[in-house]
Amino acid sequence: MADQVGPGRPGKLTNAFLVAAKQVLDVGDDVIICTDEELLILINEKLPEDDQITHRTFEAWKKLAQESDDLDENSVQFLRVIKRR
């Protein structure tokens, strides 16, 4: 899914992004209630600036992950993360 964003430009759906997302959402028995935009802010706060993504990119990944039948491993992990919320 995120191997290429455009010609020659690598995607940012990386292990670092997925680890940060899991750290934000792994709160034990507590519950996090937030919008996608709020969740993205929390994830981006854990990442170096170069690894941060925009809300538009997050929504594009989410849409593609939910609609595609051919997902790479990072895309599968991303889908698991967003379904956990």
PDB file of N, CA and C in Angstrom:
ATOM      1  N   MET A   1       0.819  -1.189   0.000  1.00  0.00           N
ATOM      2  CA  MET A   1       0.000   0.000   0.000  1.00  0.00           C
ATOM      3  C   MET A   1       0.859   1.247   0.000  1.00  0.00           C
ATOM      4  N   ALA A   2       1.832   1.364   0.890  1.00  0.00           N
ATOM      5  CA  ALA A   2       2.552   2.624   1.031  1.00  0.00           C
ATOM      6  C   ALA A   2       3.978   2.548   0.521  1.00  0.00           C
ATOM      7  N   ASP A   3       4.273   1.561  -0.304  1.00  0.00           N
ATOM      8  CA  ASP A   3       5.630   1.465  -0.813  1.00  0.00           C
ATOM      9  C   ASP A   3       5.996   2.681  -1.642  1.00  0.00           C
ATOM     10  N   GLN A   4       5.090   3.179  -2.439  1.00  0.00           N
ATOM     11  CA  GLN A   4       5.333   4.373  -3.249  1.00  0.00           C
ATOM     12  C   GLN A   4       4.140   5.306  -3.128  1.00  0.00           C
ATOM     13  N   VAL A   5       4.395   6.560  -2.782  1.00  0.00           N
ATOM     14  CA  VAL A   5       3.345   7.567  -2.733  1.00  0.00           C
ATOM     15  C   VAL A   5       3.188   8.193  -4.106  1.00  0.00           C
ATOM     16  N   GLY A   6       4.278   8.403  -4.770  1.00  0.00           N
ATOM     17  CA  GLY A   6       4.291   8.965  -6.111  1.00  0.00           C
ATOM     18  C   GLY A   6       5.558   8.475  -6.781  1.00  0.00           C
ATOM     19  N   PRO A   7       5.818   8.933  -7.954  1.00  0.00           N
ATOM     20  CA  PRO A   7       7.023   8.479  -8.647  1.00  0.00           C
ATOM     21  C   PRO A   7       8.294   8.739  -7.834  1.00  0.00           C
ATOM     22  N   GLY A   8       8.954   7.664  -7.441  1.00  0.00           N
ATOM     23  CA  GLY A   8      10.218   7.783  -6.732  1.00  0.00           C
ATOM     24  C   GLY A   8      10.125   8.253  -5.299  1.00  0.00           C
ATOM     25  N   ARG A   9       8.939   8.470  -4.789  1.00  0.00           N
ATOM     26  CA  ARG A   9       8.784   8.988  -3.434  1.00  0.00           C
ATOM     27  C   ARG A   9       8.280   7.867  -2.524  1.00  0.00           C
ATOM     28  N   PRO A  10       9.078   7.433  -1.531  1.00  0.00           N
ATOM     29  CA  PRO A  10       8.657   6.339  -0.666  1.00  0.00           C
ATOM     30  C   PRO A  10       7.524   6.754   0.267  1.00  0.00           C
ATOM     31  N   GLY A  11       6.680   5.810   0.615  1.00  0.00           N
ATOM     32  CA  GLY A  11       5.598   6.079   1.540  1.00  0.00           C
ATOM     33  C   GLY A  11       6.105   6.185   2.959  1.00  0.00           C
ATOM     34  N   LYS A  12       5.277   6.721   3.836  1.00  0.00           N
ATOM     35  CA  LYS A  12       5.677   6.890   5.231  1.00  0.00           C
ATOM     36  C   LYS A  12       5.011   5.879   6.154  1.00  0.00           C
ATOM     37  N   LEU A  13       4.264   4.929   5.602  1.00  0.00           N
ATOM     38  CA  LEU A  13       3.660   3.905   6.453  1.00  0.00           C
ATOM     39  C   LEU A  13       4.772   2.946   6.841  1.00  0.00           C
ATOM     40  N   THR A  14       5.477   3.332   7.865  1.00  0.00           N
ATOM     41  CA  THR A  14       6.675   2.622   8.290  1.00  0.00           C
ATOM     42  C   THR A  14       6.443   1.907   9.607  1.00  0.00           C
ATOM     43  N   ASN A  15       7.398   1.076   9.964  1.00  0.00           N
ATOM     44  CA  ASN A  15       7.355   0.439  11.274  1.00  0.00           C
ATOM     45  C   ASN A  15       7.328   1.475  12.379  1.00  0.00           C
ATOM     46  N   ALA A  16       8.087   2.565  12.229  1.00  0.00           N
ATOM     47  CA  ALA A  16       8.127   3.620  13.247  1.00  0.00           C
ATOM     48  C   ALA A  16       6.735   4.210  13.470  1.00  0.00           C
ATOM     49  N   PHE A  17       5.999   4.443  12.380  1.00  0.00           N
ATOM     50  CA  PHE A  17       4.640   4.981  12.509  1.00  0.00           C
ATOM     51  C   PHE A  17       3.745   3.977  13.237  1.00  0.00           C
ATOM     52  N   LEU A  18       3.847   2.714  12.860  1.00  0.00           N
ATOM     53  CA  LEU A  18       3.009   1.685  13.479  1.00  0.00           C
ATOM     54  C   LEU A  18       3.336   1.502  14.956  1.00  0.00           C
ATOM     55  N   VAL A  19       4.620   1.532  15.306  1.00  0.00           N
ATOM     56  CA  VAL A  19       5.029   1.418  16.712  1.00  0.00           C
ATOM     57  C   VAL A  19       4.464   2.589  17.506  1.00  0.00           C
ATOM     58  N   ALA A  20       4.573   3.799  16.965  1.00  0.00           N
ATOM     59  CA  ALA A  20       4.047   4.981  17.653  1.00  0.00           C
ATOM     60  C   ALA A  20       2.531   4.866  17.842  1.00  0.00           C
ATOM     61  N   ALA A  21       1.835   4.396  16.821  1.00  0.00           N
ATOM     62  CA  ALA A  21       0.379   4.236  16.914  1.00  0.00           C
ATOM     63  C   ALA A  21       0.017   3.229  17.997  1.00  0.00           C
ATOM     64  N   LYS A  22       0.741   2.121  18.054  1.00  0.00           N
ATOM     65  CA  LYS A  22       0.465   1.108  19.069  1.00  0.00           C
ATOM     66  C   LYS A  22       0.764   1.641  20.461  1.00  0.00           C
ATOM     67  N   GLN A  23       1.816   2.458  20.609  1.00  0.00           N
ATOM     68  CA  GLN A  23       2.140   3.053  21.909  1.00  0.00           C
ATOM     69  C   GLN A  23       1.011   3.969  22.373  1.00  0.00           C
ATOM     70  N   VAL A  24       0.462   4.739  21.459  1.00  0.00           N
ATOM     71  CA  VAL A  24      -0.631   5.650  21.803  1.00  0.00           C
ATOM     72  C   VAL A  24      -1.863   4.868  22.240  1.00  0.00           C
ATOM     73  N   LEU A  25      -2.144   3.787  21.537  1.00  0.00           N
ATOM     74  CA  LEU A  25      -3.382   3.041  21.793  1.00  0.00           C
ATOM     75  C   LEU A  25      -3.259   1.978  22.874  1.00  0.00           C
ATOM     76  N   ASP A  26      -2.036   1.615  23.251  1.00  0.00           N
ATOM     77  CA  ASP A  26      -1.841   0.575  24.258  1.00  0.00           C
ATOM     78  C   ASP A  26      -1.920   1.188  25.652  1.00  0.00           C
ATOM     79  N   VAL A  27      -3.131   1.315  26.146  1.00  0.00           N
ATOM     80  CA  VAL A  27      -3.358   1.947  27.446  1.00  0.00           C
ATOM     81  C   VAL A  27      -3.943   0.967  28.457  1.00  0.00           C
ATOM     82  N   GLY A  28      -3.681  -0.315  28.252  1.00  0.00           N
ATOM     83  CA  GLY A  28      -4.191  -1.323  29.183  1.00  0.00           C
ATOM     84  C   GLY A  28      -5.692  -1.404  29.131  1.00  0.00           C
ATOM     85  N   ASP A  29      -6.319  -1.290  30.295  1.00  0.00           N
ATOM     86  CA  ASP A  29      -7.778  -1.386  30.387  1.00  0.00           C
ATOM     87  C   ASP A  29      -8.464  -0.035  30.207  1.00  0.00           C
ATOM     88  N   ASP A  30      -7.678   1.030  30.091  1.00  0.00           N
ATOM     89  CA  ASP A  30      -8.256   2.353  29.900  1.00  0.00           C
ATOM     90  C   ASP A  30      -8.818   2.480  28.489  1.00  0.00           C
ATOM     91  N   VAL A  31      -9.630   3.493  28.292  1.00  0.00           N
ATOM     92  CA  VAL A  31     -10.254   3.736  26.994  1.00  0.00           C
ATOM     93  C   VAL A  31      -9.812   5.098  26.483  1.00  0.00           C
ATOM     94  N   ILE A  32      -9.455   5.154  25.208  1.00  0.00           N
ATOM     95  CA  ILE A  32      -9.141   6.428  24.561  1.00  0.00           C
ATOM     96  C   ILE A  32     -10.283   6.750  23.604  1.00  0.00           C
ATOM     97  N   ILE A  33     -10.863   7.926  23.792  1.00  0.00           N
ATOM     98  CA  ILE A  33     -11.904   8.379  22.880  1.00  0.00           C
ATOM     99  C   ILE A  33     -11.367   9.619  22.177  1.00  0.00           C
ATOM    100  N   CYS A  34     -11.173   9.495  20.866  1.00  0.00           N
ATOM    101  CA  CYS A  34     -10.663  10.634  20.105  1.00  0.00           C
ATOM    102  C   CYS A  34     -11.038  10.474  18.640  1.00  0.00           C
ATOM    103  N   THR A  35     -10.985  11.569  17.954  1.00  0.00           N
ATOM    104  CA  THR A  35     -11.233  11.547  16.516  1.00  0.00           C
ATOM    105  C   THR A  35      -9.975  11.047  15.813  1.00  0.00           C
ATOM    106  N   ASP A  36     -10.094  10.775  14.520  1.00  0.00           N
ATOM    107  CA  ASP A  36      -8.909  10.402  13.743  1.00  0.00           C
ATOM    108  C   ASP A  36      -7.866  11.503  13.814  1.00  0.00           C
ATOM    109  N   GLU A  37      -8.303  12.754  13.728  1.00  0.00           N
ATOM    110  CA  GLU A  37      -7.358  13.872  13.753  1.00  0.00           C
ATOM    111  C   GLU A  37      -6.630  13.945  15.100  1.00  0.00           C
ATOM    112  N   GLU A  38      -7.355  13.750  16.196  1.00  0.00           N
ATOM    113  CA  GLU A  38      -6.724  13.755  17.521  1.00  0.00           C
ATOM    114  C   GLU A  38      -5.760  12.587  17.671  1.00  0.00           C
ATOM    115  N   LEU A  39      -6.152  11.419  17.169  1.00  0.00           N
ATOM    116  CA  LEU A  39      -5.274  10.257  17.219  1.00  0.00           C
ATOM    117  C   LEU A  39      -3.996  10.526  16.441  1.00  0.00           C
ATOM    118  N   LEU A  40      -4.123  11.117  15.276  1.00  0.00           N
ATOM    119  CA  LEU A  40      -2.956  11.414  14.460  1.00  0.00           C
ATOM    120  C   LEU A  40      -2.021  12.398  15.165  1.00  0.00           C
ATOM    121  N   ILE A  41      -2.573  13.374  15.837  1.00  0.00           N
ATOM    122  CA  ILE A  41      -1.744  14.325  16.595  1.00  0.00           C
ATOM    123  C   ILE A  41      -0.940  13.581  17.655  1.00  0.00           C
ATOM    124  N   LEU A  42      -1.589  12.672  18.381  1.00  0.00           N
ATOM    125  CA  LEU A  42      -0.897  11.905  19.418  1.00  0.00           C
ATOM    126  C   LEU A  42       0.208  11.029  18.827  1.00  0.00           C
ATOM    127  N   ILE A  43      -0.066  10.417  17.682  1.00  0.00           N
ATOM    128  CA  ILE A  43       0.942   9.576  17.021  1.00  0.00           C
ATOM    129  C   ILE A  43       2.104  10.441  16.531  1.00  0.00           C
ATOM    130  N   ASN A  44       1.784  11.534  15.860  1.00  0.00           N
ATOM    131  CA  ASN A  44       2.827  12.410  15.320  1.00  0.00           C
ATOM    132  C   ASN A  44       3.734  12.969  16.410  1.00  0.00           C
ATOM    133  N   GLU A  45       3.197  13.191  17.603  1.00  0.00           N
ATOM    134  CA  GLU A  45       4.003  13.701  18.712  1.00  0.00           C
ATOM    135  C   GLU A  45       5.113  12.720  19.102  1.00  0.00           C
ATOM    136  N   LYS A  46       4.937  11.456  18.801  1.00  0.00           N
ATOM    137  CA  LYS A  46       5.922  10.433  19.137  1.00  0.00           C
ATOM    138  C   LYS A  46       6.958  10.217  18.029  1.00  0.00           C
ATOM    139  N   LEU A  47       6.788  10.892  16.915  1.00  0.00           N
ATOM    140  CA  LEU A  47       7.649  10.673  15.742  1.00  0.00           C
ATOM    141  C   LEU A  47       8.532  11.885  15.456  1.00  0.00           C
ATOM    142  N   PRO A  48       9.715  11.639  14.885  1.00  0.00           N
ATOM    143  CA  PRO A  48      10.512  12.758  14.386  1.00  0.00           C
ATOM    144  C   PRO A  48       9.727  13.477  13.279  1.00  0.00           C
ATOM    145  N   GLU A  49      10.016  14.741  13.082  1.00  0.00           N
ATOM    146  CA  GLU A  49       9.267  15.535  12.108  1.00  0.00           C
ATOM    147  C   GLU A  49       9.234  14.900  10.714  1.00  0.00           C
ATOM    148  N   ASP A  50      10.338  14.317  10.291  1.00  0.00           N
ATOM    149  CA  ASP A  50      10.401  13.709   8.959  1.00  0.00           C
ATOM    150  C   ASP A  50       9.489  12.497   8.806  1.00  0.00           C
ATOM    151  N   ASP A  51       9.111  11.862   9.912  1.00  0.00           N
ATOM    152  CA  ASP A  51       8.255  10.677   9.861  1.00  0.00           C
ATOM    153  C   ASP A  51       6.784  11.001  10.090  1.00  0.00           C
ATOM    154  N   GLN A  52       6.474  12.236  10.435  1.00  0.00           N
ATOM    155  CA  GLN A  52       5.087  12.616  10.689  1.00  0.00           C
ATOM    156  C   GLN A  52       4.298  12.689   9.385  1.00  0.00           C
ATOM    157  N   ILE A  53       2.987  12.458   9.498  1.00  0.00           N
ATOM    158  CA  ILE A  53       2.134  12.499   8.310  1.00  0.00           C
ATOM    159  C   ILE A  53       0.991  13.490   8.512  1.00  0.00           C
ATOM    160  N   THR A  54       0.332  13.836   7.422  1.00  0.00           N
ATOM    161  CA  THR A  54      -0.806  14.749   7.478  1.00  0.00           C
ATOM    162  C   THR A  54      -2.093  13.961   7.695  1.00  0.00           C
ATOM    163  N   HIS A  55      -3.126  14.686   8.078  1.00  0.00           N
ATOM    164  CA  HIS A  55      -4.435  14.058   8.250  1.00  0.00           C
ATOM    165  C   HIS A  55      -4.932  13.483   6.918  1.00  0.00           C
ATOM    166  N   ARG A  56      -4.654  14.181   5.852  1.00  0.00           N
ATOM    167  CA  ARG A  56      -5.075  13.716   4.516  1.00  0.00           C
ATOM    168  C   ARG A  56      -4.423  12.362   4.181  1.00  0.00           C
ATOM    169  N   THR A  57      -3.130  12.223   4.501  1.00  0.00           N
ATOM    170  CA  THR A  57      -2.429  10.957   4.262  1.00  0.00           C
ATOM    171  C   THR A  57      -3.023   9.853   5.117  1.00  0.00           C
ATOM    172  N   PHE A  58      -3.286  10.149   6.389  1.00  0.00           N
ATOM    173  CA  PHE A  58      -3.889   9.169   7.292  1.00  0.00           C
ATOM    174  C   PHE A  58      -5.217   8.666   6.730  1.00  0.00           C
ATOM    175  N   GLU A  59      -6.052   9.585   6.296  1.00  0.00           N
ATOM    176  CA  GLU A  59      -7.359   9.209   5.737  1.00  0.00           C
ATOM    177  C   GLU A  59      -7.208   8.400   4.450  1.00  0.00           C
ATOM    178  N   ALA A  60      -6.222   8.746   3.629  1.00  0.00           N
ATOM    179  CA  ALA A  60      -5.995   7.994   2.390  1.00  0.00           C
ATOM    180  C   ALA A  60      -5.555   6.569   2.714  1.00  0.00           C
ATOM    181  N   TRP A  61      -4.646   6.414   3.685  1.00  0.00           N
ATOM    182  CA  TRP A  61      -4.206   5.072   4.088  1.00  0.00           C
ATOM    183  C   TRP A  61      -5.382   4.272   4.627  1.00  0.00           C
ATOM    184  N   LYS A  62      -6.181   4.928   5.460  1.00  0.00           N
ATOM    185  CA  LYS A  62      -7.328   4.253   6.070  1.00  0.00           C
ATOM    186  C   LYS A  62      -8.304   3.762   4.994  1.00  0.00           C
ATOM    187  N   LYS A  63      -8.615   4.621   4.049  1.00  0.00           N
ATOM    188  CA  LYS A  63      -9.535   4.245   2.974  1.00  0.00           C
ATOM    189  C   LYS A  63      -8.977   3.084   2.157  1.00  0.00           C
ATOM    190  N   LEU A  64      -7.705   3.176   1.762  1.00  0.00           N
ATOM    191  CA  LEU A  64      -7.088   2.134   0.962  1.00  0.00           C
ATOM    192  C   LEU A  64      -7.016   0.817   1.729  1.00  0.00           C
ATOM    193  N   ALA A  65      -6.660   0.888   3.006  1.00  0.00           N
ATOM    194  CA  ALA A  65      -6.561  -0.327   3.819  1.00  0.00           C
ATOM    195  C   ALA A  65      -7.918  -1.005   3.970  1.00  0.00           C
ATOM    196  N   GLN A  66      -8.966  -0.222   4.083  1.00  0.00           N
ATOM    197  CA  GLN A  66     -10.303  -0.781   4.260  1.00  0.00           C
ATOM    198  C   GLN A  66     -10.883  -1.329   2.960  1.00  0.00           C
ATOM    199  N   GLU A  67     -10.441  -0.796   1.823  1.00  0.00           N
ATOM    200  CA  GLU A  67     -11.044  -1.172   0.549  1.00  0.00           C
ATOM    201  C   GLU A  67     -10.212  -2.143  -0.275  1.00  0.00           C
ATOM    202  N   SER A  68      -8.930  -2.300   0.046  1.00  0.00           N
ATOM    203  CA  SER A  68      -8.046  -3.120  -0.771  1.00  0.00           C
ATOM    204  C   SER A  68      -8.022  -4.571  -0.304  1.00  0.00           C
ATOM    205  N   ASP A  69      -7.901  -5.466  -1.252  1.00  0.00           N
ATOM    206  CA  ASP A  69      -7.754  -6.887  -0.933  1.00  0.00           C
ATOM    207  C   ASP A  69      -6.293  -7.323  -0.979  1.00  0.00           C
ATOM    208  N   ASP A  70      -5.425  -6.466  -1.486  1.00  0.00           N
ATOM    209  CA  ASP A  70      -4.011  -6.802  -1.659  1.00  0.00           C
ATOM    210  C   ASP A  70      -3.160  -5.854  -0.822  1.00  0.00           C
ATOM    211  N   LEU A  71      -2.960  -6.200   0.461  1.00  0.00           N
ATOM    212  CA  LEU A  71      -2.248  -5.329   1.393  1.00  0.00           C
ATOM    213  C   LEU A  71      -0.882  -5.894   1.747  1.00  0.00           C
ATOM    214  N   ASP A  72       0.109  -4.999   1.861  1.00  0.00           N
ATOM    215  CA  ASP A  72       1.411  -5.429   2.364  1.00  0.00           C
ATOM    216  C   ASP A  72       1.337  -5.549   3.893  1.00  0.00           C
ATOM    217  N   GLU A  73       2.397  -6.047   4.518  1.00  0.00           N
ATOM    218  CA  GLU A  73       2.374  -6.305   5.966  1.00  0.00           C
ATOM    219  C   GLU A  73       2.125  -5.031   6.770  1.00  0.00           C
ATOM    220  N   ASN A  74       2.751  -3.924   6.412  1.00  0.00           N
ATOM    221  CA  ASN A  74       2.521  -2.675   7.145  1.00  0.00           C
ATOM    222  C   ASN A  74       1.075  -2.216   7.026  1.00  0.00           C
ATOM    223  N   SER A  75       0.474  -2.410   5.869  1.00  0.00           N
ATOM    224  CA  SER A  75      -0.926  -2.031   5.679  1.00  0.00           C
ATOM    225  C   SER A  75      -1.850  -2.887   6.535  1.00  0.00           C
ATOM    226  N   VAL A  76      -1.546  -4.162   6.644  1.00  0.00           N
ATOM    227  CA  VAL A  76      -2.327  -5.068   7.502  1.00  0.00           C
ATOM    228  C   VAL A  76      -2.224  -4.604   8.955  1.00  0.00           C
ATOM    229  N   GLN A  77      -1.002  -4.277   9.399  1.00  0.00           N
ATOM    230  CA  GLN A  77      -0.802  -3.788  10.759  1.00  0.00           C
ATOM    231  C   GLN A  77      -1.552  -2.469  10.994  1.00  0.00           C
ATOM    232  N   PHE A  78      -1.503  -1.567  10.014  1.00  0.00           N
ATOM    233  CA  PHE A  78      -2.215  -0.296  10.114  1.00  0.00           C
ATOM    234  C   PHE A  78      -3.708  -0.537  10.280  1.00  0.00           C
ATOM    235  N   LEU A  79      -4.259  -1.443   9.494  1.00  0.00           N
ATOM    236  CA  LEU A  79      -5.686  -1.747   9.573  1.00  0.00           C
ATOM    237  C   LEU A  79      -6.037  -2.301  10.952  1.00  0.00           C
ATOM    238  N   ARG A  80      -5.179  -3.158  11.505  1.00  0.00           N
ATOM    239  CA  ARG A  80      -5.407  -3.679  12.869  1.00  0.00           C
ATOM    240  C   ARG A  80      -5.410  -2.552  13.896  1.00  0.00           C
ATOM    241  N   VAL A  81      -4.491  -1.612  13.731  1.00  0.00           N
ATOM    242  CA  VAL A  81      -4.398  -0.493  14.672  1.00  0.00           C
ATOM    243  C   VAL A  81      -5.661   0.365  14.614  1.00  0.00           C
ATOM    244  N   ILE A  82      -6.107   0.720  13.426  1.00  0.00           N
ATOM    245  CA  ILE A  82      -7.278   1.610  13.349  1.00  0.00           C
ATOM    246  C   ILE A  82      -8.568   0.886  13.722  1.00  0.00           C
ATOM    247  N   LYS A  83      -8.611  -0.427  13.582  1.00  0.00           N
ATOM    248  CA  LYS A  83      -9.803  -1.171  13.994  1.00  0.00           C
ATOM    249  C   LYS A  83      -9.871  -1.342  15.502  1.00  0.00           C
ATOM    250  N   ARG A  84      -8.719  -1.246  16.187  1.00  0.00           N
ATOM    251  CA  ARG A  84      -8.687  -1.390  17.636  1.00  0.00           C
ATOM    252  C   ARG A  84      -9.341  -0.231  18.359  1.00  0.00           C
ATOM    253  N   ARG A  85      -9.391   0.897  17.711  1.00  0.00           N
ATOM    254  CA  ARG A  85      -9.876   2.072  18.397  1.00  0.00           C
ATOM    255  C   ARG A  85     -11.349   2.023  18.681  1.00  0.00           C
TER     256      ARG A  85
END
